[in-house]
Amino acid sequence: MESLPWLNASFDAVTGFNSFPFAGNPVAALAEARRVLVPGGKVGLVIFSPREENQQPKIMAAIAALAPPQSPGGPNPFALSAPGRPEAVVQAAGLHTLDRGEFPIVSVHPTAEAACRAFLAGGTGGRAVQHSGQERVRQAIQEALEGFRVETGVYRIEHRFWFLIAE
């Protein structure tokens, strides 16, 4: 993200859905997004709202406990989730915020197995499987999921996201 292969002014819009928090340097990644925009082009970001506003971190913690440790302050899903942080990073990249807001998403998994597959698909899930083995990680996910099983038997997890549009 910090060194895109496209020419300057190649795109009308650049979007990042839960991607910029994983850049080694989010300011550089957003500056690179700005570079490939035409004049007046827009950058759209969607990121998790703060960790405490989401239910998913409870499951993510069970997975992360079985993965090799990450360096503190490094790329992670909540790296840009502190209040004011997305706007500060956008401004440091030479962009200005046009609009921002938040919205909820509820993911519903019909079975624990379906939820397991979804959580194993993420980067931390893959690292945990390599480090601790698939069965151990699956078991940890299934144990963490029990708190999200509702009366109908499905697993319901609430997420909150912020969006930000800049130019």
Protein backbone atom coordinates (compact mmCIF):
# COMPACT_ATOMS: atom_id res chain seq x y z
CA MET A 1 0.00 0.00 0.00
CA GLU A 2 2.94 2.29 0.54
CA SER A 3 4.27 1.91 -3.01
CA LEU A 4 1.44 1.48 -5.49
CA PRO A 5 2.33 0.38 -9.03
CA TRP A 6 0.12 2.95 -10.80
CA LEU A 7 0.93 6.29 -12.36
CA ASN A 8 0.03 9.57 -10.72
CA ALA A 9 -3.60 10.66 -11.20
CA SER A 10 -4.77 7.20 -12.35
CA PHE A 11 -8.01 6.88 -10.35
CA ASP A 12 -11.12 8.84 -9.45
CA ALA A 13 -11.41 7.00 -6.13
CA VAL A 14 -9.35 4.79 -3.84
CA THR A 15 -11.05 2.72 -1.17
CA GLY A 16 -9.71 0.74 1.75
CA PHE A 17 -11.99 -1.59 3.66
CA ASN A 18 -10.16 -2.55 6.85
CA SER A 19 -6.87 -2.24 4.99
CA PHE A 20 -5.12 0.99 6.03
CA PRO A 21 -4.81 -0.13 9.69
CA PHE A 22 -2.59 -2.96 8.43
CA ALA A 23 -0.14 -0.71 6.56
CA GLY A 24 3.34 -0.54 8.04
CA ASN A 25 2.98 3.23 7.79
CA PRO A 26 -0.68 4.32 7.35
CA VAL A 27 0.33 7.93 6.59
CA ALA A 28 2.58 6.77 3.74
CA ALA A 29 -0.15 4.43 2.47
CA LEU A 30 -2.70 7.25 2.41
CA ALA A 31 -0.20 9.62 0.79
CA GLU A 32 0.30 6.98 -1.90
CA ALA A 33 -3.48 6.73 -2.33
CA ARG A 34 -3.54 10.53 -2.74
CA ARG A 35 -0.76 10.33 -5.36
CA VAL A 36 -2.75 8.00 -7.61
CA LEU A 37 -5.93 10.12 -7.39
CA VAL A 38 -6.96 12.56 -10.10
CA PRO A 39 -7.45 16.13 -8.86
CA GLY A 40 -10.67 16.15 -6.86
CA GLY A 41 -10.58 12.35 -6.45
CA LYS A 42 -11.74 10.80 -3.19
CA VAL A 43 -10.28 8.33 -0.72
CA GLY A 44 -12.72 6.20 1.26
CA LEU A 45 -11.74 4.36 4.44
CA VAL A 46 -13.77 1.88 6.45
CA ILE A 47 -12.21 0.85 9.74
CA PHE A 48 -13.31 -0.74 12.99
CA SER A 49 -14.54 1.68 15.62
CA PRO A 50 -12.67 1.35 18.95
CA ARG A 51 -12.14 -2.18 20.23
CA GLU A 52 -14.51 -1.75 23.18
CA GLU A 53 -17.41 -0.93 20.82
CA ASN A 54 -17.13 -4.28 19.05
CA GLN A 55 -17.87 -7.84 20.05
CA GLN A 56 -15.43 -9.46 17.63
CA PRO A 57 -12.29 -8.72 19.75
CA LYS A 58 -13.40 -11.37 22.25
CA ILE A 59 -13.04 -14.00 19.53
CA MET A 60 -9.96 -12.34 18.04
CA ALA A 61 -8.25 -12.53 21.45
CA ALA A 62 -8.83 -16.30 21.63
CA ILE A 63 -7.22 -16.68 18.20
CA ALA A 64 -4.36 -14.25 18.91
CA ALA A 65 -3.47 -16.16 22.09
CA LEU A 66 -2.51 -19.09 19.84
CA ALA A 67 -0.57 -17.02 17.28
CA PRO A 68 3.01 -15.79 17.52
CA PRO A 69 3.16 -12.46 19.37
CA GLN A 70 2.89 -9.30 17.30
CA SER A 71 4.96 -6.22 18.06
CA PRO A 72 3.06 -3.68 20.20
CA GLY A 73 1.75 -0.74 18.23
CA GLY A 74 2.17 -2.61 14.94
CA PRO A 75 -0.45 -3.07 12.25
CA ASN A 76 -3.68 -4.48 13.62
CA PRO A 77 -7.43 -4.10 13.00
CA PHE A 78 -7.71 -1.28 15.55
CA ALA A 79 -4.53 0.68 14.67
CA LEU A 80 -6.59 3.66 13.42
CA SER A 81 -9.56 3.27 15.75
CA ALA A 82 -8.77 5.80 18.48
CA PRO A 83 -11.00 8.87 18.41
CA GLY A 84 -9.47 11.49 16.11
CA ARG A 85 -6.80 9.10 14.80
CA PRO A 86 -8.26 8.53 11.30
CA GLU A 87 -8.61 12.27 10.72
CA ALA A 88 -5.05 12.92 11.97
CA VAL A 89 -3.59 10.24 9.69
CA VAL A 90 -5.58 11.52 6.70
CA GLN A 91 -4.40 15.08 7.38
CA ALA A 92 -0.77 13.99 7.78
CA ALA A 93 -1.05 12.32 4.34
CA GLY A 94 -2.01 15.65 2.76
CA LEU A 95 -5.73 14.94 2.52
CA HIS A 96 -8.67 16.60 4.23
CA THR A 97 -11.77 14.95 5.62
CA LEU A 98 -15.00 15.60 3.74
CA ASP A 99 -17.31 13.28 5.63
CA ARG A 100 -17.20 10.72 8.41
CA GLY A 101 -19.65 8.57 10.27
CA GLU A 102 -20.25 5.18 11.77
CA PHE A 103 -22.48 2.21 11.14
CA PRO A 104 -23.22 -1.18 12.67
CA ILE A 105 -22.92 -4.55 10.98
CA VAL A 106 -24.23 -7.75 12.47
CA SER A 107 -22.73 -10.98 11.23
CA VAL A 108 -24.88 -14.05 11.67
CA HIS A 109 -23.34 -17.50 11.29
CA PRO A 110 -25.74 -20.44 11.03
CA THR A 111 -23.36 -22.84 12.77
CA ALA A 112 -20.20 -22.76 14.86
CA GLU A 113 -18.42 -24.40 11.91
CA ALA A 114 -19.45 -21.57 9.57
CA ALA A 115 -18.23 -18.99 12.09
CA CYS A 116 -14.99 -20.92 12.54
CA ARG A 117 -14.32 -20.86 8.79
CA ALA A 118 -14.89 -17.10 8.74
CA PHE A 119 -12.48 -16.43 11.61
CA LEU A 120 -9.85 -18.82 10.28
CA ALA A 121 -9.82 -16.90 6.99
CA GLY A 122 -8.22 -13.82 8.57
CA GLY A 123 -4.50 -13.23 8.86
CA THR A 124 -4.37 -13.90 12.59
CA GLY A 125 -6.29 -17.14 12.09
CA GLY A 126 -3.69 -18.32 9.56
CA ARG A 127 -0.78 -17.36 11.84
CA ALA A 128 -2.45 -19.12 14.78
CA VAL A 129 -2.97 -22.32 12.75
CA GLN A 130 0.67 -22.33 11.65
CA HIS A 131 1.82 -21.76 15.23
CA SER A 132 -0.59 -23.93 17.23
CA GLY A 133 -2.36 -26.25 14.79
CA GLN A 134 -5.79 -26.09 13.21
CA GLU A 135 -7.66 -28.24 15.75
CA ARG A 136 -6.44 -26.20 18.72
CA VAL A 137 -7.39 -22.92 17.02
CA ARG A 138 -10.81 -24.27 15.97
CA GLN A 139 -11.48 -25.36 19.55
CA ALA A 140 -10.53 -21.91 20.91
CA ILE A 141 -12.81 -20.19 18.38
CA GLN A 142 -15.72 -22.50 19.19
CA GLU A 143 -15.30 -21.87 22.92
CA ALA A 144 -15.21 -18.10 22.35
CA LEU A 145 -18.28 -18.30 20.11
CA GLU A 146 -20.49 -19.79 22.82
CA GLY A 147 -21.09 -16.34 24.25
CA PHE A 148 -22.62 -15.29 20.93
CA ARG A 149 -25.09 -18.11 20.42
CA VAL A 150 -28.64 -16.79 20.50
CA GLU A 151 -31.95 -18.57 21.20
CA THR A 152 -32.41 -19.61 17.58
CA GLY A 153 -29.07 -21.44 17.64
CA VAL A 154 -27.23 -19.09 15.29
CA TYR A 155 -24.16 -17.07 16.27
CA ARG A 156 -24.71 -13.30 16.22
CA ILE A 157 -21.76 -10.90 16.45
CA GLU A 158 -22.15 -7.11 16.41
CA HIS A 159 -19.50 -4.89 14.84
CA ARG A 160 -19.23 -1.11 14.59
CA PHE A 161 -17.31 0.58 11.81
CA TRP A 162 -16.29 4.11 11.04
CA PHE A 163 -16.13 5.48 7.52
CA LEU A 164 -14.19 8.49 6.38
CA ILE A 165 -14.14 10.16 2.97
CA ALA A 166 -11.30 12.52 2.14
CA GLU A 167 -9.77 14.37 -0.81
